[in-house]
PDB file of all heavy atoms in Angstrom:
ATOM      1  N   PRO A   1      -4.675  -0.794  -0.951  1.00  0.00           N
ATOM      2  CA  PRO A   1      -5.737  -1.045   0.028  1.00  0.00           C
ATOM      3  C   PRO A   1      -6.927  -0.139  -0.204  1.00  0.00           C
ATOM      4  O   PRO A   1      -6.757   1.022  -0.612  1.00  0.00           O
ATOM      5  CB  PRO A   1      -5.067  -0.753   1.372  1.00  0.00           C
ATOM      6  CG  PRO A   1      -3.921   0.138   1.043  1.00  0.00           C
ATOM      7  CD  PRO A   1      -3.454  -0.257  -0.316  1.00  0.00           C
ATOM      8  N   PRO A   2      -8.126  -0.619   0.037  1.00  0.00           N
ATOM      9  CA  PRO A   2      -9.296   0.263  -0.036  1.00  0.00           C
ATOM     10  C   PRO A   2      -9.227   1.309   1.060  1.00  0.00           C
ATOM     11  O   PRO A   2      -8.544   1.122   2.080  1.00  0.00           O
ATOM     12  CB  PRO A   2     -10.474  -0.700   0.178  1.00  0.00           C
ATOM     13  CG  PRO A   2      -9.888  -1.840   0.947  1.00  0.00           C
ATOM     14  CD  PRO A   2      -8.473  -1.982   0.478  1.00  0.00           C
ATOM     15  N   ILE A   3      -9.945   2.388   0.864  1.00  0.00           N
ATOM     16  CA  ILE A   3     -10.017   3.473   1.837  1.00  0.00           C
ATOM     17  C   ILE A   3     -11.372   3.409   2.543  1.00  0.00           C
ATOM     18  O   ILE A   3     -12.404   3.240   1.900  1.00  0.00           O
ATOM     19  CB  ILE A   3      -9.854   4.838   1.151  1.00  0.00           C
ATOM     20  CG1 ILE A   3      -8.449   4.964   0.544  1.00  0.00           C
ATOM     21  CG2 ILE A   3     -10.113   5.981   2.127  1.00  0.00           C
ATOM     22  CD1 ILE A   3      -8.285   6.198  -0.340  1.00  0.00           C
ATOM     23  N   LEU A   4     -11.364   3.546   3.865  1.00  0.00           N
ATOM     24  CA  LEU A   4     -12.602   3.648   4.636  1.00  0.00           C
ATOM     25  C   LEU A   4     -12.565   4.961   5.410  1.00  0.00           C
ATOM     26  O   LEU A   4     -11.627   5.231   6.155  1.00  0.00           O
ATOM     27  CB  LEU A   4     -12.766   2.483   5.604  1.00  0.00           C
ATOM     28  CG  LEU A   4     -13.991   2.553   6.544  1.00  0.00           C
ATOM     29  CD1 LEU A   4     -15.294   2.587   5.759  1.00  0.00           C
ATOM     30  CD2 LEU A   4     -13.990   1.379   7.529  1.00  0.00           C
ATOM     31  N   LEU A   5     -13.606   5.781   5.230  1.00  0.00           N
ATOM     32  CA  LEU A   5     -13.706   7.108   5.835  1.00  0.00           C
ATOM     33  C   LEU A   5     -14.643   7.070   7.041  1.00  0.00           C
ATOM     34  O   LEU A   5     -15.770   6.575   6.940  1.00  0.00           O
ATOM     35  CB  LEU A   5     -14.234   8.113   4.806  1.00  0.00           C
ATOM     36  CG  LEU A   5     -13.474   8.192   3.476  1.00  0.00           C
ATOM     37  CD1 LEU A   5     -14.248   9.060   2.479  1.00  0.00           C
ATOM     38  CD2 LEU A   5     -12.073   8.736   3.689  1.00  0.00           C
ATOM     39  N   LEU A   6     -14.183   7.624   8.167  1.00  0.00           N
ATOM     40  CA  LEU A   6     -14.973   7.691   9.396  1.00  0.00           C
ATOM     41  C   LEU A   6     -15.223   9.145   9.767  1.00  0.00           C
ATOM     42  O   LEU A   6     -14.282   9.926   9.921  1.00  0.00           O
ATOM     43  CB  LEU A   6     -14.248   6.987  10.547  1.00  0.00           C
ATOM     44  CG  LEU A   6     -13.848   5.522  10.334  1.00  0.00           C
ATOM     45  CD1 LEU A   6     -13.170   4.979  11.595  1.00  0.00           C
ATOM     46  CD2 LEU A   6     -15.049   4.663   9.964  1.00  0.00           C
ATOM     47  N   HIS A   7     -16.481   9.501   9.950  1.00  0.00           N
ATOM     48  CA  HIS A   7     -16.902  10.876  10.221  1.00  0.00           C
ATOM     49  C   HIS A   7     -16.664  11.265  11.680  1.00  0.00           C
ATOM     50  O   HIS A   7     -16.304  10.454  12.518  1.00  0.00           O
ATOM     51  CB  HIS A   7     -18.387  11.030   9.886  1.00  0.00           C
ATOM     52  CG  HIS A   7     -19.258  10.110  10.712  1.00  0.00           C
ATOM     53  ND1 HIS A   7     -19.558  10.366  12.023  1.00  0.00           N
ATOM     54  CD2 HIS A   7     -19.869   8.930  10.404  1.00  0.00           C
ATOM     55  CE1 HIS A   7     -20.332   9.377  12.501  1.00  0.00           C
ATOM     56  NE2 HIS A   7     -20.527   8.496  11.539  1.00  0.00           N
ATOM     57  N   GLY A   8     -16.936  12.536  11.967  1.00  0.00           N
ATOM     58  CA  GLY A   8     -16.734  13.068  13.308  1.00  0.00           C
ATOM     59  C   GLY A   8     -17.957  12.981  14.195  1.00  0.00           C
ATOM     60  O   GLY A   8     -18.973  12.361  13.868  1.00  0.00           O
ATOM     61  N   PHE A   9     -17.867  13.647  15.361  1.00  0.00           N
ATOM     62  CA  PHE A   9     -18.913  13.638  16.380  1.00  0.00           C
ATOM     63  C   PHE A   9     -20.191  14.274  15.865  1.00  0.00           C
ATOM     64  O   PHE A   9     -20.167  15.307  15.202  1.00  0.00           O
ATOM     65  CB  PHE A   9     -18.411  14.396  17.617  1.00  0.00           C
ATOM     66  CG  PHE A   9     -19.414  14.505  18.728  1.00  0.00           C
ATOM     67  CD1 PHE A   9     -19.712  13.415  19.528  1.00  0.00           C
ATOM     68  CD2 PHE A   9     -20.060  15.708  18.979  1.00  0.00           C
ATOM     69  CE1 PHE A   9     -20.639  13.521  20.567  1.00  0.00           C
ATOM     70  CE2 PHE A   9     -20.984  15.825  20.009  1.00  0.00           C
ATOM     71  CZ  PHE A   9     -21.268  14.724  20.801  1.00  0.00           C
ATOM     72  N   ASP A  10     -21.316  13.641  16.176  1.00  0.00           N
ATOM     73  CA  ASP A  10     -22.639  14.150  15.796  1.00  0.00           C
ATOM     74  C   ASP A  10     -22.675  14.506  14.319  1.00  0.00           C
ATOM     75  O   ASP A  10     -23.120  15.583  13.919  1.00  0.00           O
ATOM     76  CB  ASP A  10     -23.021  15.354  16.648  1.00  0.00           C
ATOM     77  CG  ASP A  10     -24.480  15.777  16.447  1.00  0.00           C
ATOM     78  OD1 ASP A  10     -25.287  14.917  16.048  1.00  0.00           O
ATOM     79  OD2 ASP A  10     -24.793  16.955  16.692  1.00  0.00           O
ATOM     80  N   SER A  11     -22.222  13.565  13.484  1.00  0.00           N
ATOM     81  CA  SER A  11     -22.134  13.810  12.052  1.00  0.00           C
ATOM     82  C   SER A  11     -22.571  12.554  11.313  1.00  0.00           C
ATOM     83  O   SER A  11     -23.153  11.630  11.902  1.00  0.00           O
ATOM     84  CB  SER A  11     -20.696  14.203  11.692  1.00  0.00           C
ATOM     85  OG  SER A  11     -20.591  14.584  10.338  1.00  0.00           O
ATOM     86  N   SER A  12     -22.288  12.520  10.019  1.00  0.00           N
ATOM     87  CA  SER A  12     -22.648  11.372   9.197  1.00  0.00           C
ATOM     88  C   SER A  12     -21.667  11.274   8.037  1.00  0.00           C
ATOM     89  O   SER A  12     -20.796  12.133   7.849  1.00  0.00           O
ATOM     90  CB  SER A  12     -24.074  11.530   8.646  1.00  0.00           C
ATOM     91  OG  SER A  12     -24.094  12.463   7.565  1.00  0.00           O
ATOM     92  N   LEU A  13     -21.825  10.231   7.239  1.00  0.00           N
ATOM     93  CA  LEU A  13     -20.931  10.045   6.089  1.00  0.00           C
ATOM     94  C   LEU A  13     -21.096  11.154   5.044  1.00  0.00           C
ATOM     95  O   LEU A  13     -20.237  11.314   4.169  1.00  0.00           O
ATOM     96  CB  LEU A  13     -21.127   8.669   5.477  1.00  0.00           C
ATOM     97  CG  LEU A  13     -22.506   8.280   4.915  1.00  0.00           C
ATOM     98  CD1 LEU A  13     -22.724   8.806   3.514  1.00  0.00           C
ATOM     99  CD2 LEU A  13     -22.644   6.765   4.923  1.00  0.00           C
ATOM    100  N   LEU A  14     -22.170  11.947   5.128  1.00  0.00           N
ATOM    101  CA  LEU A  14     -22.307  13.093   4.227  1.00  0.00           C
ATOM    102  C   LEU A  14     -21.172  14.097   4.407  1.00  0.00           C
ATOM    103  O   LEU A  14     -20.943  14.950   3.547  1.00  0.00           O
ATOM    104  CB  LEU A  14     -23.648  13.791   4.445  1.00  0.00           C
ATOM    105  CG  LEU A  14     -24.874  13.131   3.808  1.00  0.00           C
ATOM    106  CD1 LEU A  14     -26.147  13.858   4.223  1.00  0.00           C
ATOM    107  CD2 LEU A  14     -24.753  13.100   2.290  1.00  0.00           C
ATOM    108  N   GLU A  15     -20.455  13.985   5.502  1.00  0.00           N
ATOM    109  CA  GLU A  15     -19.277  14.814   5.746  1.00  0.00           C
ATOM    110  C   GLU A  15     -18.229  14.643   4.638  1.00  0.00           C
ATOM    111  O   GLU A  15     -17.404  15.526   4.417  1.00  0.00           O
ATOM    112  CB  GLU A  15     -18.703  14.426   7.104  1.00  0.00           C
ATOM    113  CG  GLU A  15     -17.619  15.300   7.647  1.00  0.00           C
ATOM    114  CD  GLU A  15     -17.202  14.874   9.045  1.00  0.00           C
ATOM    115  OE1 GLU A  15     -18.097  14.618   9.889  1.00  0.00           O
ATOM    116  OE2 GLU A  15     -15.990  14.777   9.296  1.00  0.00           O
ATOM    117  N   PHE A  16     -18.296  13.522   3.923  1.00  0.00           N
ATOM    118  CA  PHE A  16     -17.285  13.227   2.910  1.00  0.00           C
ATOM    119  C   PHE A  16     -17.795  13.455   1.481  1.00  0.00           C
ATOM    120  O   PHE A  16     -17.239  12.938   0.526  1.00  0.00           O
ATOM    121  CB  PHE A  16     -16.787  11.789   3.080  1.00  0.00           C
ATOM    122  CG  PHE A  16     -16.145  11.562   4.424  1.00  0.00           C
ATOM    123  CD1 PHE A  16     -16.765  10.778   5.389  1.00  0.00           C
ATOM    124  CD2 PHE A  16     -14.940  12.163   4.726  1.00  0.00           C
ATOM    125  CE1 PHE A  16     -16.180  10.594   6.633  1.00  0.00           C
ATOM    126  CE2 PHE A  16     -14.345  11.989   5.967  1.00  0.00           C
ATOM    127  CZ  PHE A  16     -14.968  11.197   6.924  1.00  0.00           C
ATOM    128  N   ARG A  17     -18.839  14.263   1.350  1.00  0.00           N
ATOM    129  CA  ARG A  17     -19.461  14.484   0.038  1.00  0.00           C
ATOM    130  C   ARG A  17     -18.511  15.142  -0.954  1.00  0.00           C
ATOM    131  O   ARG A  17     -18.666  14.974  -2.173  1.00  0.00           O
ATOM    132  CB  ARG A  17     -20.731  15.326   0.211  1.00  0.00           C
ATOM    133  CG  ARG A  17     -20.493  16.696   0.816  1.00  0.00           C
ATOM    134  CD  ARG A  17     -21.802  17.345   1.250  1.00  0.00           C
ATOM    135  NE  ARG A  17     -21.617  18.668   1.867  1.00  0.00           N
ATOM    136  CZ  ARG A  17     -21.341  18.837   3.157  1.00  0.00           C
ATOM    137  NH1 ARG A  17     -21.205  17.798   3.962  1.00  0.00           N
ATOM    138  NH2 ARG A  17     -21.195  20.059   3.650  1.00  0.00           N
ATOM    139  N   ARG A  18     -17.552  15.927  -0.491  1.00  0.00           N
ATOM    140  CA  ARG A  18     -16.612  16.584  -1.397  1.00  0.00           C
ATOM    141  C   ARG A  18     -15.310  15.808  -1.535  1.00  0.00           C
ATOM    142  O   ARG A  18     -14.585  16.001  -2.516  1.00  0.00           O
ATOM    143  CB  ARG A  18     -16.324  18.006  -0.913  1.00  0.00           C
ATOM    144  CG  ARG A  18     -17.552  18.899  -0.958  1.00  0.00           C
ATOM    145  CD  ARG A  18     -17.284  20.280  -0.397  1.00  0.00           C
ATOM    146  NE  ARG A  18     -18.532  21.054  -0.336  1.00  0.00           N
ATOM    147  CZ  ARG A  18     -18.753  22.028   0.519  1.00  0.00           C
ATOM    148  NH1 ARG A  18     -17.814  22.363   1.391  1.00  0.00           N
ATOM    149  NH2 ARG A  18     -19.896  22.673   0.514  1.00  0.00           N
ATOM    150  N   LEU A  19     -14.990  14.958  -0.575  1.00  0.00           N
ATOM    151  CA  LEU A  19     -13.736  14.198  -0.628  1.00  0.00           C
ATOM    152  C   LEU A  19     -13.870  12.936  -1.470  1.00  0.00           C
ATOM    153  O   LEU A  19     -12.969  12.607  -2.253  1.00  0.00           O
ATOM    154  CB  LEU A  19     -13.296  13.832   0.786  1.00  0.00           C
ATOM    155  CG  LEU A  19     -11.963  13.080   0.894  1.00  0.00           C
ATOM    156  CD1 LEU A  19     -10.810  13.941   0.379  1.00  0.00           C
ATOM    157  CD2 LEU A  19     -11.713  12.653   2.342  1.00  0.00           C
ATOM    158  N   MET A  20     -14.984  12.229  -1.342  1.00  0.00           N
ATOM    159  CA  MET A  20     -15.133  10.957  -2.063  1.00  0.00           C
ATOM    160  C   MET A  20     -14.986  11.106  -3.574  1.00  0.00           C
ATOM    161  O   MET A  20     -14.331  10.271  -4.210  1.00  0.00           O
ATOM    162  CB  MET A  20     -16.453  10.277  -1.713  1.00  0.00           C
ATOM    163  CG  MET A  20     -16.445   9.627  -0.337  1.00  0.00           C
ATOM    164  SD  MET A  20     -17.779   8.433  -0.107  1.00  0.00           S
ATOM    165  CE  MET A  20     -17.199   7.045  -1.062  1.00  0.00           C
ATOM    166  N   PRO A  21     -15.557  12.137  -4.212  1.00  0.00           N
ATOM    167  CA  PRO A  21     -15.366  12.259  -5.665  1.00  0.00           C
ATOM    168  C   PRO A  21     -13.911  12.459  -6.068  1.00  0.00           C
ATOM    169  O   PRO A  21     -13.548  12.164  -7.208  1.00  0.00           O
ATOM    170  CB  PRO A  21     -16.212  13.495  -6.024  1.00  0.00           C
ATOM    171  CG  PRO A  21     -17.216  13.609  -4.934  1.00  0.00           C
ATOM    172  CD  PRO A  21     -16.514  13.142  -3.694  1.00  0.00           C
ATOM    173  N   GLN A  22     -13.090  12.956  -5.149  1.00  0.00           N
ATOM    174  CA  GLN A  22     -11.671  13.140  -5.447  1.00  0.00           C
ATOM    175  C   GLN A  22     -10.878  11.837  -5.267  1.00  0.00           C
ATOM    176  O   GLN A  22      -9.851  11.640  -5.928  1.00  0.00           O
ATOM    177  CB  GLN A  22     -11.081  14.224  -4.524  1.00  0.00           C
ATOM    178  CG  GLN A  22     -11.799  15.560  -4.572  1.00  0.00           C
ATOM    179  CD  GLN A  22     -11.707  16.229  -5.927  1.00  0.00           C
ATOM    180  OE1 GLN A  22     -10.747  16.044  -6.663  1.00  0.00           O
ATOM    181  NE2 GLN A  22     -12.722  17.007  -6.271  1.00  0.00           N
ATOM    182  N   LEU A  23     -11.355  10.960  -4.410  1.00  0.00           N
ATOM    183  CA  LEU A  23     -10.652   9.701  -4.135  1.00  0.00           C
ATOM    184  C   LEU A  23     -11.099   8.572  -5.049  1.00  0.00           C
ATOM    185  O   LEU A  23     -10.286   7.739  -5.482  1.00  0.00           O
ATOM    186  CB  LEU A  23     -10.883   9.281  -2.679  1.00  0.00           C
ATOM    187  CG  LEU A  23     -10.296  10.169  -1.591  1.00  0.00           C
ATOM    188  CD1 LEU A  23     -10.795   9.704  -0.217  1.00  0.00           C
ATOM    189  CD2 LEU A  23      -8.771  10.158  -1.615  1.00  0.00           C
ATOM    190  N   ALA A  24     -12.390   8.527  -5.339  1.00  0.00           N
ATOM    191  CA  ALA A  24     -12.983   7.364  -6.001  1.00  0.00           C
ATOM    192  C   ALA A  24     -12.391   7.023  -7.358  1.00  0.00           C
ATOM    193  O   ALA A  24     -12.271   5.835  -7.683  1.00  0.00           O
ATOM    194  CB  ALA A  24     -14.497   7.559  -6.118  1.00  0.00           C
ATOM    195  N   PRO A  25     -11.992   7.985  -8.195  1.00  0.00           N
ATOM    196  CA  PRO A  25     -11.406   7.591  -9.480  1.00  0.00           C
ATOM    197  C   PRO A  25     -10.076   6.863  -9.341  1.00  0.00           C
ATOM    198  O   PRO A  25      -9.619   6.221 -10.292  1.00  0.00           O
ATOM    199  CB  PRO A  25     -11.209   8.937 -10.199  1.00  0.00           C
ATOM    200  CG  PRO A  25     -12.180   9.864  -9.556  1.00  0.00           C
ATOM    201  CD  PRO A  25     -12.199   9.445  -8.114  1.00  0.00           C
ATOM    202  N   HIS A  26      -9.475   6.931  -8.167  1.00  0.00           N
ATOM    203  CA  HIS A  26      -8.136   6.377  -7.983  1.00  0.00           C
ATOM    204  C   HIS A  26      -8.092   5.176  -7.048  1.00  0.00           C
ATOM    205  O   HIS A  26      -7.224   4.320  -7.199  1.00  0.00           O
ATOM    206  CB  HIS A  26      -7.208   7.464  -7.431  1.00  0.00           C
ATOM    207  CG  HIS A  26      -7.243   8.731  -8.226  1.00  0.00           C
ATOM    208  ND1 HIS A  26      -6.588   8.869  -9.428  1.00  0.00           N
ATOM    209  CD2 HIS A  26      -7.890   9.911  -7.995  1.00  0.00           C
ATOM    210  CE1 HIS A  26      -6.799  10.092  -9.905  1.00  0.00           C
ATOM    211  NE2 HIS A  26      -7.596  10.736  -9.068  1.00  0.00           N
ATOM    212  N   ARG A  27      -9.004   5.130  -6.109  1.00  0.00           N
ATOM    213  CA  ARG A  27      -8.992   4.053  -5.113  1.00  0.00           C
ATOM    214  C   ARG A  27     -10.413   3.645  -4.759  1.00  0.00           C
ATOM    215  O   ARG A  27     -11.332   4.473  -4.758  1.00  0.00           O
ATOM    216  CB  ARG A  27      -8.298   4.515  -3.824  1.00  0.00           C
ATOM    217  CG  ARG A  27      -6.819   4.823  -3.967  1.00  0.00           C
ATOM    218  CD  ARG A  27      -5.951   3.597  -3.778  1.00  0.00           C
ATOM    219  NE  ARG A  27      -5.949   3.177  -2.398  1.00  0.00           N
ATOM    220  CZ  ARG A  27      -5.174   3.699  -1.444  1.00  0.00           C
ATOM    221  NH1 ARG A  27      -4.343   4.698  -1.719  1.00  0.00           N
ATOM    222  NH2 ARG A  27      -5.210   3.233  -0.212  1.00  0.00           N
ATOM    223  N   GLU A  28     -10.591   2.391  -4.469  1.00  0.00           N
ATOM    224  CA  GLU A  28     -11.862   1.922  -3.905  1.00  0.00           C
ATOM    225  C   GLU A  28     -12.073   2.635  -2.577  1.00  0.00           C
ATOM    226  O   GLU A  28     -11.230   2.562  -1.682  1.00  0.00           O
ATOM    227  CB  GLU A  28     -11.810   0.414  -3.698  1.00  0.00           C
ATOM    228  CG  GLU A  28     -13.053  -0.160  -3.061  1.00  0.00           C
ATOM    229  CD  GLU A  28     -12.935  -1.651  -2.801  1.00  0.00           C
ATOM    230  OE1 GLU A  28     -11.931  -2.270  -3.237  1.00  0.00           O
ATOM    231  OE2 GLU A  28     -13.839  -2.198  -2.152  1.00  0.00           O
ATOM    232  N   THR A  29     -13.196   3.332  -2.445  1.00  0.00           N
ATOM    233  CA  THR A  29     -13.421   4.192  -1.288  1.00  0.00           C
ATOM    234  C   THR A  29     -14.774   3.905  -0.664  1.00  0.00           C
ATOM    235  O   THR A  29     -15.791   3.876  -1.352  1.00  0.00           O
ATOM    236  CB  THR A  29     -13.335   5.678  -1.693  1.00  0.00           C
ATOM    237  OG1 THR A  29     -12.081   5.923  -2.352  1.00  0.00           O
ATOM    238  CG2 THR A  29     -13.437   6.582  -0.482  1.00  0.00           C
TER     239      THR A  29
END
């Protein structure tokens, strides 16, 4: 399954700037 990341309160998807590069080579993120 693809992965969808949801950020926290008063935040944005930039919260996942360090996690996405670790996930993307392995799963659609």
